[in-house]
Full PDB file with SEQRES, HELIX, SHEET, SSBOND, CRYST1, ORIGX, SCALE, CONECT and MASTER records, all heavy atoms in Angstrom:
SEQRES   1 A   30  GLN ILE VAL LYS ARG PHE GLU VAL GLU PHE LYS GLY ARG          
SEQRES   2 A   30  LEU GLY TYR ARG THR GLU GLN SER SER VAL THR LEU LEU          
SEQRES   3 A   30  ASN ARG ALA LEU                                              
HELIX    1 AA1 ILE A    2  ARG A    5  1                                   4    
SHEET    1 AA1 2 THR A  24  LEU A  25  0                                        
SHEET    2 AA1 2 ARG A  28  ALA A  29 -1                                        
CRYST1    1.000    1.000    1.000  90.00  90.00  90.00 P 1           1          
ORIGX1      1.000000  0.000000  0.000000        0.00000                         
ORIGX2      0.000000  1.000000  0.000000        0.00000                         
ORIGX3      0.000000  0.000000  1.000000        0.00000                         
SCALE1      1.000000  0.000000  0.000000        0.00000                         
SCALE2      0.000000  1.000000  0.000000        0.00000                         
SCALE3      0.000000  0.000000  1.000000        0.00000                         
ATOM      1  N   GLN A   1      60.885 -79.073   8.760  1.00  0.00           N  
ATOM      2  CA  GLN A   1      60.726 -77.679   9.164  1.00  0.00           C  
ATOM      3  C   GLN A   1      60.592 -76.745   7.972  1.00  0.00           C  
ATOM      4  O   GLN A   1      59.763 -75.840   7.967  1.00  0.00           O  
ATOM      5  CB  GLN A   1      61.928 -77.235  10.021  1.00  0.00           C  
ATOM      6  CG  GLN A   1      62.087 -77.989  11.308  1.00  0.00           C  
ATOM      7  CD  GLN A   1      60.858 -77.905  12.177  1.00  0.00           C  
ATOM      8  OE1 GLN A   1      60.344 -76.819  12.447  1.00  0.00           O  
ATOM      9  NE2 GLN A   1      60.369 -79.048  12.613  1.00  0.00           N  
ATOM     10  N   ILE A   2      61.381 -76.958   6.946  1.00  0.00           N  
ATOM     11  CA  ILE A   2      61.404 -76.033   5.811  1.00  0.00           C  
ATOM     12  C   ILE A   2      60.110 -76.112   4.988  1.00  0.00           C  
ATOM     13  O   ILE A   2      59.636 -75.106   4.479  1.00  0.00           O  
ATOM     14  CB  ILE A   2      62.681 -76.241   4.941  1.00  0.00           C  
ATOM     15  CG1 ILE A   2      62.978 -75.007   4.088  1.00  0.00           C  
ATOM     16  CG2 ILE A   2      62.588 -77.455   4.073  1.00  0.00           C  
ATOM     17  CD1 ILE A   2      63.640 -73.900   4.802  1.00  0.00           C  
ATOM     18  N   VAL A   3      59.518 -77.301   4.895  1.00  0.00           N  
ATOM     19  CA  VAL A   3      58.271 -77.416   4.118  1.00  0.00           C  
ATOM     20  C   VAL A   3      57.089 -76.773   4.839  1.00  0.00           C  
ATOM     21  O   VAL A   3      56.077 -76.469   4.209  1.00  0.00           O  
ATOM     22  CB  VAL A   3      57.938 -78.883   3.742  1.00  0.00           C  
ATOM     23  CG1 VAL A   3      59.011 -79.480   2.860  1.00  0.00           C  
ATOM     24  CG2 VAL A   3      57.694 -79.737   4.954  1.00  0.00           C  
ATOM     25  N   LYS A   4      57.214 -76.541   6.135  1.00  0.00           N  
ATOM     26  CA  LYS A   4      56.159 -75.832   6.870  1.00  0.00           C  
ATOM     27  C   LYS A   4      56.110 -74.356   6.489  1.00  0.00           C  
ATOM     28  O   LYS A   4      55.078 -73.718   6.605  1.00  0.00           O  
ATOM     29  CB  LYS A   4      56.406 -75.930   8.381  1.00  0.00           C  
ATOM     30  CG  LYS A   4      56.202 -77.291   8.958  1.00  0.00           C  
ATOM     31  CD  LYS A   4      56.524 -77.256  10.444  1.00  0.00           C  
ATOM     32  CE  LYS A   4      56.485 -78.627  11.063  1.00  0.00           C  
ATOM     33  NZ  LYS A   4      56.868 -78.580  12.499  1.00  0.00           N  
ATOM     34  N   ARG A   5      57.241 -73.809   6.034  1.00  0.00           N  
ATOM     35  CA  ARG A   5      57.341 -72.373   5.779  1.00  0.00           C  
ATOM     36  C   ARG A   5      57.406 -71.994   4.300  1.00  0.00           C  
ATOM     37  O   ARG A   5      57.053 -70.896   3.923  1.00  0.00           O  
ATOM     38  CB  ARG A   5      58.573 -71.816   6.481  1.00  0.00           C  
ATOM     39  CG  ARG A   5      58.449 -71.825   7.987  1.00  0.00           C  
ATOM     40  CD  ARG A   5      59.736 -71.369   8.637  1.00  0.00           C  
ATOM     41  NE  ARG A   5      59.600 -71.040  10.023  1.00  0.00           N  
ATOM     42  CZ  ARG A   5      59.393 -71.911  11.011  1.00  0.00           C  
ATOM     43  NH1 ARG A   5      59.272 -73.187  10.738  1.00  0.00           N  
ATOM     44  NH2 ARG A   5      59.303 -71.510  12.253  1.00  0.00           N  
ATOM     45  N   PHE A   6      57.911 -72.916   3.471  1.00  0.00           N  
ATOM     46  CA  PHE A   6      58.137 -72.582   2.063  1.00  0.00           C  
ATOM     47  C   PHE A   6      57.679 -73.714   1.151  1.00  0.00           C  
ATOM     48  O   PHE A   6      57.662 -74.872   1.558  1.00  0.00           O  
ATOM     49  CB  PHE A   6      59.640 -72.345   1.792  1.00  0.00           C  
ATOM     50  CG  PHE A   6      60.247 -71.267   2.632  1.00  0.00           C  
ATOM     51  CD1 PHE A   6      61.030 -71.594   3.725  1.00  0.00           C  
ATOM     52  CD2 PHE A   6      60.049 -69.929   2.336  1.00  0.00           C  
ATOM     53  CE1 PHE A   6      61.599 -70.606   4.511  1.00  0.00           C  
ATOM     54  CE2 PHE A   6      60.618 -68.940   3.117  1.00  0.00           C  
ATOM     55  CZ  PHE A   6      61.387 -69.279   4.208  1.00  0.00           C  
ATOM     56  N   GLU A   7      57.374 -73.350  -0.081  1.00  0.00           N  
ATOM     57  CA  GLU A   7      57.162 -74.348  -1.122  1.00  0.00           C  
ATOM     58  C   GLU A   7      58.540 -74.692  -1.660  1.00  0.00           C  
ATOM     59  O   GLU A   7      59.261 -73.816  -2.148  1.00  0.00           O  
ATOM     60  CB  GLU A   7      56.291 -73.764  -2.230  1.00  0.00           C  
ATOM     61  CG  GLU A   7      55.962 -74.743  -3.307  1.00  0.00           C  
ATOM     62  CD  GLU A   7      55.072 -74.134  -4.373  1.00  0.00           C  
ATOM     63  OE1 GLU A   7      54.230 -73.280  -4.045  1.00  0.00           O  
ATOM     64  OE2 GLU A   7      55.247 -74.512  -5.544  1.00  0.00           O  
ATOM     65  N   VAL A   8      58.943 -75.950  -1.532  1.00  0.00           N  
ATOM     66  CA  VAL A   8      60.316 -76.325  -1.872  1.00  0.00           C  
ATOM     67  C   VAL A   8      60.359 -77.496  -2.839  1.00  0.00           C  
ATOM     68  O   VAL A   8      59.426 -78.287  -2.928  1.00  0.00           O  
ATOM     69  CB  VAL A   8      61.142 -76.685  -0.615  1.00  0.00           C  
ATOM     70  CG1 VAL A   8      61.310 -75.487   0.277  1.00  0.00           C  
ATOM     71  CG2 VAL A   8      60.518 -77.822   0.128  1.00  0.00           C  
ATOM     72  N   GLU A   9      61.457 -77.568  -3.555  1.00  0.00           N  
ATOM     73  CA  GLU A   9      61.757 -78.700  -4.429  1.00  0.00           C  
ATOM     74  C   GLU A   9      63.088 -79.271  -3.954  1.00  0.00           C  
ATOM     75  O   GLU A   9      64.095 -78.564  -3.925  1.00  0.00           O  
ATOM     76  CB  GLU A   9      61.885 -78.231  -5.873  1.00  0.00           C  
ATOM     77  CG  GLU A   9      62.330 -79.314  -6.822  1.00  0.00           C  
ATOM     78  CD  GLU A   9      62.631 -78.776  -8.208  1.00  0.00           C  
ATOM     79  OE1 GLU A   9      62.270 -77.630  -8.526  1.00  0.00           O  
ATOM     80  OE2 GLU A   9      63.255 -79.522  -8.979  1.00  0.00           O  
ATOM     81  N   PHE A  10      63.088 -80.525  -3.565  1.00  0.00           N  
ATOM     82  CA  PHE A  10      64.311 -81.163  -3.095  1.00  0.00           C  
ATOM     83  C   PHE A  10      65.034 -81.785  -4.277  1.00  0.00           C  
ATOM     84  O   PHE A  10      64.463 -82.559  -5.029  1.00  0.00           O  
ATOM     85  CB  PHE A  10      63.998 -82.222  -2.039  1.00  0.00           C  
ATOM     86  CG  PHE A  10      63.534 -81.626  -0.750  1.00  0.00           C  
ATOM     87  CD1 PHE A  10      62.193 -81.487  -0.477  1.00  0.00           C  
ATOM     88  CD2 PHE A  10      64.461 -81.173   0.178  1.00  0.00           C  
ATOM     89  CE1 PHE A  10      61.766 -80.914   0.700  1.00  0.00           C  
ATOM     90  CE2 PHE A  10      64.043 -80.596   1.354  1.00  0.00           C  
ATOM     91  CZ  PHE A  10      62.687 -80.466   1.617  1.00  0.00           C  
ATOM     92  N   LYS A  11      66.295 -81.445  -4.424  1.00  0.00           N  
ATOM     93  CA  LYS A  11      67.112 -81.954  -5.528  1.00  0.00           C  
ATOM     94  C   LYS A  11      67.703 -83.314  -5.209  1.00  0.00           C  
ATOM     95  O   LYS A  11      67.966 -84.088  -6.102  1.00  0.00           O  
ATOM     96  CB  LYS A  11      68.258 -80.973  -5.833  1.00  0.00           C  
ATOM     97  CG  LYS A  11      67.792 -79.588  -6.169  1.00  0.00           C  
ATOM     98  CD  LYS A  11      67.370 -79.501  -7.589  1.00  0.00           C  
ATOM     99  CE  LYS A  11      66.918 -78.084  -7.870  1.00  0.00           C  
ATOM    100  NZ  LYS A  11      67.074 -77.683  -9.199  1.00  0.00           N  
ATOM    101  N   GLY A  12      67.940 -83.584  -3.940  1.00  0.00           N  
ATOM    102  CA  GLY A  12      68.494 -84.871  -3.582  1.00  0.00           C  
ATOM    103  C   GLY A  12      69.314 -84.810  -2.313  1.00  0.00           C  
ATOM    104  O   GLY A  12      69.496 -83.760  -1.724  1.00  0.00           O  
ATOM    105  N   ARG A  13      69.796 -85.992  -1.939  1.00  0.00           N  
ATOM    106  CA  ARG A  13      70.639 -86.116  -0.753  1.00  0.00           C  
ATOM    107  C   ARG A  13      71.811 -87.012  -1.096  1.00  0.00           C  
ATOM    108  O   ARG A  13      71.640 -88.154  -1.507  1.00  0.00           O  
ATOM    109  CB  ARG A  13      69.836 -86.724   0.396  1.00  0.00           C  
ATOM    110  CG  ARG A  13      70.629 -86.824   1.674  1.00  0.00           C  
ATOM    111  CD  ARG A  13      69.837 -87.445   2.786  1.00  0.00           C  
ATOM    112  NE  ARG A  13      68.762 -86.568   3.192  1.00  0.00           N  
ATOM    113  CZ  ARG A  13      67.950 -86.823   4.217  1.00  0.00           C  
ATOM    114  NH1 ARG A  13      68.089 -87.930   4.917  1.00  0.00           N  
ATOM    115  NH2 ARG A  13      66.996 -85.988   4.525  1.00  0.00           N  
ATOM    116  N   LEU A  14      72.993 -86.454  -0.947  1.00  0.00           N  
ATOM    117  CA  LEU A  14      74.201 -87.213  -1.225  1.00  0.00           C  
ATOM    118  C   LEU A  14      74.808 -87.705   0.079  1.00  0.00           C  
ATOM    119  O   LEU A  14      74.705 -87.048   1.094  1.00  0.00           O  
ATOM    120  CB  LEU A  14      75.233 -86.347  -1.944  1.00  0.00           C  
ATOM    121  CG  LEU A  14      74.874 -85.830  -3.313  1.00  0.00           C  
ATOM    122  CD1 LEU A  14      76.023 -85.012  -3.864  1.00  0.00           C  
ATOM    123  CD2 LEU A  14      74.550 -86.963  -4.242  1.00  0.00           C  
ATOM    124  N   GLY A  15      75.455 -88.844   0.001  1.00  0.00           N  
ATOM    125  CA  GLY A  15      76.160 -89.346   1.169  1.00  0.00           C  
ATOM    126  C   GLY A  15      76.385 -90.833   1.060  1.00  0.00           C  
ATOM    127  O   GLY A  15      75.965 -91.490   0.107  1.00  0.00           O  
ATOM    128  N   TYR A  16      77.038 -91.358   2.064  1.00  0.00           N  
ATOM    129  CA  TYR A  16      77.317 -92.787   2.132  1.00  0.00           C  
ATOM    130  C   TYR A  16      76.006 -93.539   2.299  1.00  0.00           C  
ATOM    131  O   TYR A  16      75.199 -93.211   3.157  1.00  0.00           O  
ATOM    132  CB  TYR A  16      78.263 -93.049   3.297  1.00  0.00           C  
ATOM    133  CG  TYR A  16      78.669 -94.485   3.444  1.00  0.00           C  
ATOM    134  CD1 TYR A  16      79.477 -95.082   2.492  1.00  0.00           C  
ATOM    135  CD2 TYR A  16      78.257 -95.231   4.529  1.00  0.00           C  
ATOM    136  CE1 TYR A  16      79.865 -96.405   2.607  1.00  0.00           C  
ATOM    137  CE2 TYR A  16      78.643 -96.554   4.667  1.00  0.00           C  
ATOM    138  CZ  TYR A  16      79.440 -97.131   3.707  1.00  0.00           C  
ATOM    139  OH  TYR A  16      79.814 -98.444   3.829  1.00  0.00           O  
ATOM    140  N   ARG A  17      75.766 -94.514   1.437  1.00  0.00           N  
ATOM    141  CA  ARG A  17      74.574 -95.368   1.477  1.00  0.00           C  
ATOM    142  C   ARG A  17      73.262 -94.600   1.262  1.00  0.00           C  
ATOM    143  O   ARG A  17      72.257 -94.900   1.887  1.00  0.00           O  
ATOM    144  CB  ARG A  17      74.508 -96.153   2.781  1.00  0.00           C  
ATOM    145  CG  ARG A  17      75.624 -97.139   2.923  1.00  0.00           C  
ATOM    146  CD  ARG A  17      75.430 -97.979   4.153  1.00  0.00           C  
ATOM    147  NE  ARG A  17      76.548 -98.878   4.310  1.00  0.00           N  
ATOM    148  CZ  ARG A  17      76.742 -99.629   5.359  1.00  0.00           C  
ATOM    149  NH1 ARG A  17      75.899 -99.605   6.359  1.00  0.00           N  
ATOM    150  NH2 ARG A  17      77.780-100.424   5.422  1.00  0.00           N  
ATOM    151  N   THR A  18      73.273 -93.605   0.416  1.00  0.00           N  
ATOM    152  CA  THR A  18      72.023 -92.954   0.027  1.00  0.00           C  
ATOM    153  C   THR A  18      71.615 -93.469  -1.341  1.00  0.00           C  
ATOM    154  O   THR A  18      72.430 -94.019  -2.076  1.00  0.00           O  
ATOM    155  CB  THR A  18      72.173 -91.417  -0.012  1.00  0.00           C  
ATOM    156  OG1 THR A  18      73.188 -91.075  -0.944  1.00  0.00           O  
ATOM    157  CG2 THR A  18      72.495 -90.856   1.350  1.00  0.00           C  
ATOM    158  N   GLU A  19      70.360 -93.300  -1.683  1.00  0.00           N  
ATOM    159  CA  GLU A  19      69.846 -93.800  -2.962  1.00  0.00           C  
ATOM    160  C   GLU A  19      70.394 -93.017  -4.148  1.00  0.00           C  
ATOM    161  O   GLU A  19      70.473 -93.521  -5.250  1.00  0.00           O  
ATOM    162  CB  GLU A  19      68.317 -93.722  -2.970  1.00  0.00           C  
ATOM    163  CG  GLU A  19      67.670 -94.648  -1.975  1.00  0.00           C  
ATOM    164  CD  GLU A  19      66.167 -94.500  -1.951  1.00  0.00           C  
ATOM    165  OE1 GLU A  19      65.598 -93.904  -2.886  1.00  0.00           O  
ATOM    166  OE2 GLU A  19      65.563 -94.998  -0.990  1.00  0.00           O  
ATOM    167  N   GLN A  20      70.768 -91.785  -3.921  1.00  0.00           N  
ATOM    168  CA  GLN A  20      71.202 -90.914  -5.006  1.00  0.00           C  
ATOM    169  C   GLN A  20      72.709 -90.712  -4.946  1.00  0.00           C  
ATOM    170  O   GLN A  20      73.260 -90.459  -3.876  1.00  0.00           O  
ATOM    171  CB  GLN A  20      70.489 -89.571  -4.868  1.00  0.00           C  
ATOM    172  CG  GLN A  20      70.606 -88.692  -6.049  1.00  0.00           C  
ATOM    173  CD  GLN A  20      69.628 -87.535  -5.950  1.00  0.00           C  
ATOM    174  OE1 GLN A  20      68.892 -87.408  -4.992  1.00  0.00           O  
ATOM    175  NE2 GLN A  20      69.634 -86.692  -6.945  1.00  0.00           N  
ATOM    176  N   SER A  21      73.385 -90.820  -6.088  1.00  0.00           N  
ATOM    177  CA  SER A  21      74.842 -90.660  -6.095  1.00  0.00           C  
ATOM    178  C   SER A  21      75.294 -89.341  -6.703  1.00  0.00           C  
ATOM    179  O   SER A  21      76.450 -88.967  -6.574  1.00  0.00           O  
ATOM    180  CB  SER A  21      75.500 -91.821  -6.833  1.00  0.00           C  
ATOM    181  OG  SER A  21      75.101 -91.809  -8.190  1.00  0.00           O  
ATOM    182  N   SER A  22      74.379 -88.598  -7.369  1.00  0.00           N  
ATOM    183  CA  SER A  22      74.773 -87.304  -7.932  1.00  0.00           C  
ATOM    184  C   SER A  22      73.586 -86.349  -7.932  1.00  0.00           C  
ATOM    185  O   SER A  22      72.429 -86.758  -7.925  1.00  0.00           O  
ATOM    186  CB  SER A  22      75.326 -87.463  -9.348  1.00  0.00           C  
ATOM    187  OG  SER A  22      74.330 -87.926 -10.213  1.00  0.00           O  
ATOM    188  N   VAL A  23      73.923 -85.070  -7.950  1.00  0.00           N  
ATOM    189  CA  VAL A  23      72.909 -84.021  -7.954  1.00  0.00           C  
ATOM    190  C   VAL A  23      73.523 -82.800  -8.637  1.00  0.00           C  
ATOM    191  O   VAL A  23      74.747 -82.635  -8.659  1.00  0.00           O  
ATOM    192  CB  VAL A  23      72.453 -83.688  -6.504  1.00  0.00           C  
ATOM    193  CG1 VAL A  23      73.558 -83.051  -5.698  1.00  0.00           C  
ATOM    194  CG2 VAL A  23      71.209 -82.832  -6.493  1.00  0.00           C  
ATOM    195  N   THR A  24      72.678 -81.951  -9.201  1.00  0.00           N  
ATOM    196  CA  THR A  24      73.135 -80.708  -9.801  1.00  0.00           C  
ATOM    197  C   THR A  24      72.754 -79.559  -8.876  1.00  0.00           C  
ATOM    198  O   THR A  24      71.605 -79.451  -8.464  1.00  0.00           O  
ATOM    199  CB  THR A  24      72.494 -80.498 -11.185  1.00  0.00           C  
ATOM    200  OG1 THR A  24      72.835 -81.608 -12.016  1.00  0.00           O  
ATOM    201  CG2 THR A  24      72.989 -79.219 -11.828  1.00  0.00           C  
ATOM    202  N   LEU A  25      73.731 -78.735  -8.557  1.00  0.00           N  
ATOM    203  CA  LEU A  25      73.511 -77.591  -7.683  1.00  0.00           C  
ATOM    204  C   LEU A  25      74.166 -76.372  -8.315  1.00  0.00           C  
ATOM    205  O   LEU A  25      75.381 -76.392  -8.588  1.00  0.00           O  
ATOM    206  CB  LEU A  25      74.109 -77.857  -6.295  1.00  0.00           C  
ATOM    207  CG  LEU A  25      74.040 -76.711  -5.309  1.00  0.00           C  
ATOM    208  CD1 LEU A  25      72.591 -76.444  -4.907  1.00  0.00           C  
ATOM    209  CD2 LEU A  25      74.876 -77.014  -4.093  1.00  0.00           C  
ATOM    210  N   LEU A  26      73.391 -75.349  -8.580  1.00  0.00           N  
ATOM    211  CA  LEU A  26      73.889 -74.130  -9.215  1.00  0.00           C  
ATOM    212  C   LEU A  26      74.642 -74.440 -10.502  1.00  0.00           C  
ATOM    213  O   LEU A  26      75.726 -73.924 -10.761  1.00  0.00           O  
ATOM    214  CB  LEU A  26      74.773 -73.338  -8.237  1.00  0.00           C  
ATOM    215  CG  LEU A  26      74.095 -72.910  -6.937  1.00  0.00           C  
ATOM    216  CD1 LEU A  26      75.105 -72.299  -5.993  1.00  0.00           C  
ATOM    217  CD2 LEU A  26      72.954 -71.957  -7.218  1.00  0.00           C  
ATOM    218  N   ASN A  27      74.078 -75.325 -11.305  1.00  0.00           N  
ATOM    219  CA  ASN A  27      74.630 -75.757 -12.592  1.00  0.00           C  
ATOM    220  C   ASN A  27      75.976 -76.460 -12.470  1.00  0.00           C  
ATOM    221  O   ASN A  27      76.783 -76.447 -13.393  1.00  0.00           O  
ATOM    222  CB  ASN A  27      74.752 -74.576 -13.566  1.00  0.00           C  
ATOM    223  CG  ASN A  27      73.399 -74.049 -13.955  1.00  0.00           C  
ATOM    224  OD1 ASN A  27      72.482 -74.817 -14.207  1.00  0.00           O  
ATOM    225  ND2 ASN A  27      73.258 -72.742 -13.970  1.00  0.00           N  
ATOM    226  N   ARG A  28      76.224 -77.055 -11.328  1.00  0.00           N  
ATOM    227  CA  ARG A  28      77.453 -77.822 -11.112  1.00  0.00           C  
ATOM    228  C   ARG A  28      77.066 -79.227 -10.684  1.00  0.00           C  
ATOM    229  O   ARG A  28      76.167 -79.396  -9.873  1.00  0.00           O  
ATOM    230  CB  ARG A  28      78.313 -77.165 -10.035  1.00  0.00           C  
ATOM    231  CG  ARG A  28      78.895 -75.836 -10.493  1.00  0.00           C  
ATOM    232  CD  ARG A  28      79.194 -74.949  -9.305  1.00  0.00           C  
ATOM    233  NE  ARG A  28      79.798 -73.702  -9.707  1.00  0.00           N  
ATOM    234  CZ  ARG A  28      79.108 -72.611 -10.012  1.00  0.00           C  
ATOM    235  NH1 ARG A  28      77.791 -72.616 -10.012  1.00  0.00           N  
ATOM    236  NH2 ARG A  28      79.733 -71.500 -10.341  1.00  0.00           N  
ATOM    237  N   ALA A  29      77.749 -80.197 -11.239  1.00  0.00           N  
ATOM    238  CA  ALA A  29      77.458 -81.593 -10.908  1.00  0.00           C  
ATOM    239  C   ALA A  29      78.266 -82.010  -9.683  1.00  0.00           C  
ATOM    240  O   ALA A  29      79.478 -81.843  -9.638  1.00  0.00           O  
ATOM    241  CB  ALA A  29      77.801 -82.495 -12.087  1.00  0.00           C  
ATOM    242  N   LEU A  30      77.579 -82.545  -8.684  1.00  0.00           N  
ATOM    243  CA  LEU A  30      78.210 -83.102  -7.492  1.00  0.00           C  
ATOM    244  C   LEU A  30      77.938 -84.593  -7.490  1.00  0.00           C  
ATOM    245  O   LEU A  30      76.792 -85.011  -7.618  1.00  0.00           O  
ATOM    246  CB  LEU A  30      77.633 -82.476  -6.225  1.00  0.00           C  
ATOM    247  CG  LEU A  30      77.797 -80.976  -6.077  1.00  0.00           C  
ATOM    248  CD1 LEU A  30      76.972 -80.469  -4.907  1.00  0.00           C  
ATOM    249  CD2 LEU A  30      79.243 -80.626  -5.883  1.00  0.00           C  
TER     250      LEU A  30                                                      
MASTER        0    0    0    1    2    0    0    6  249    1    0    3          
END                                                                             
């Protein structure tokens, strides 16, 4: 839905059994 309305850059998806284990959001490491 969001890509239909805006040009976006996805930083990642965190969670159990996801490919990515960390992401930076607002200069904070999660």
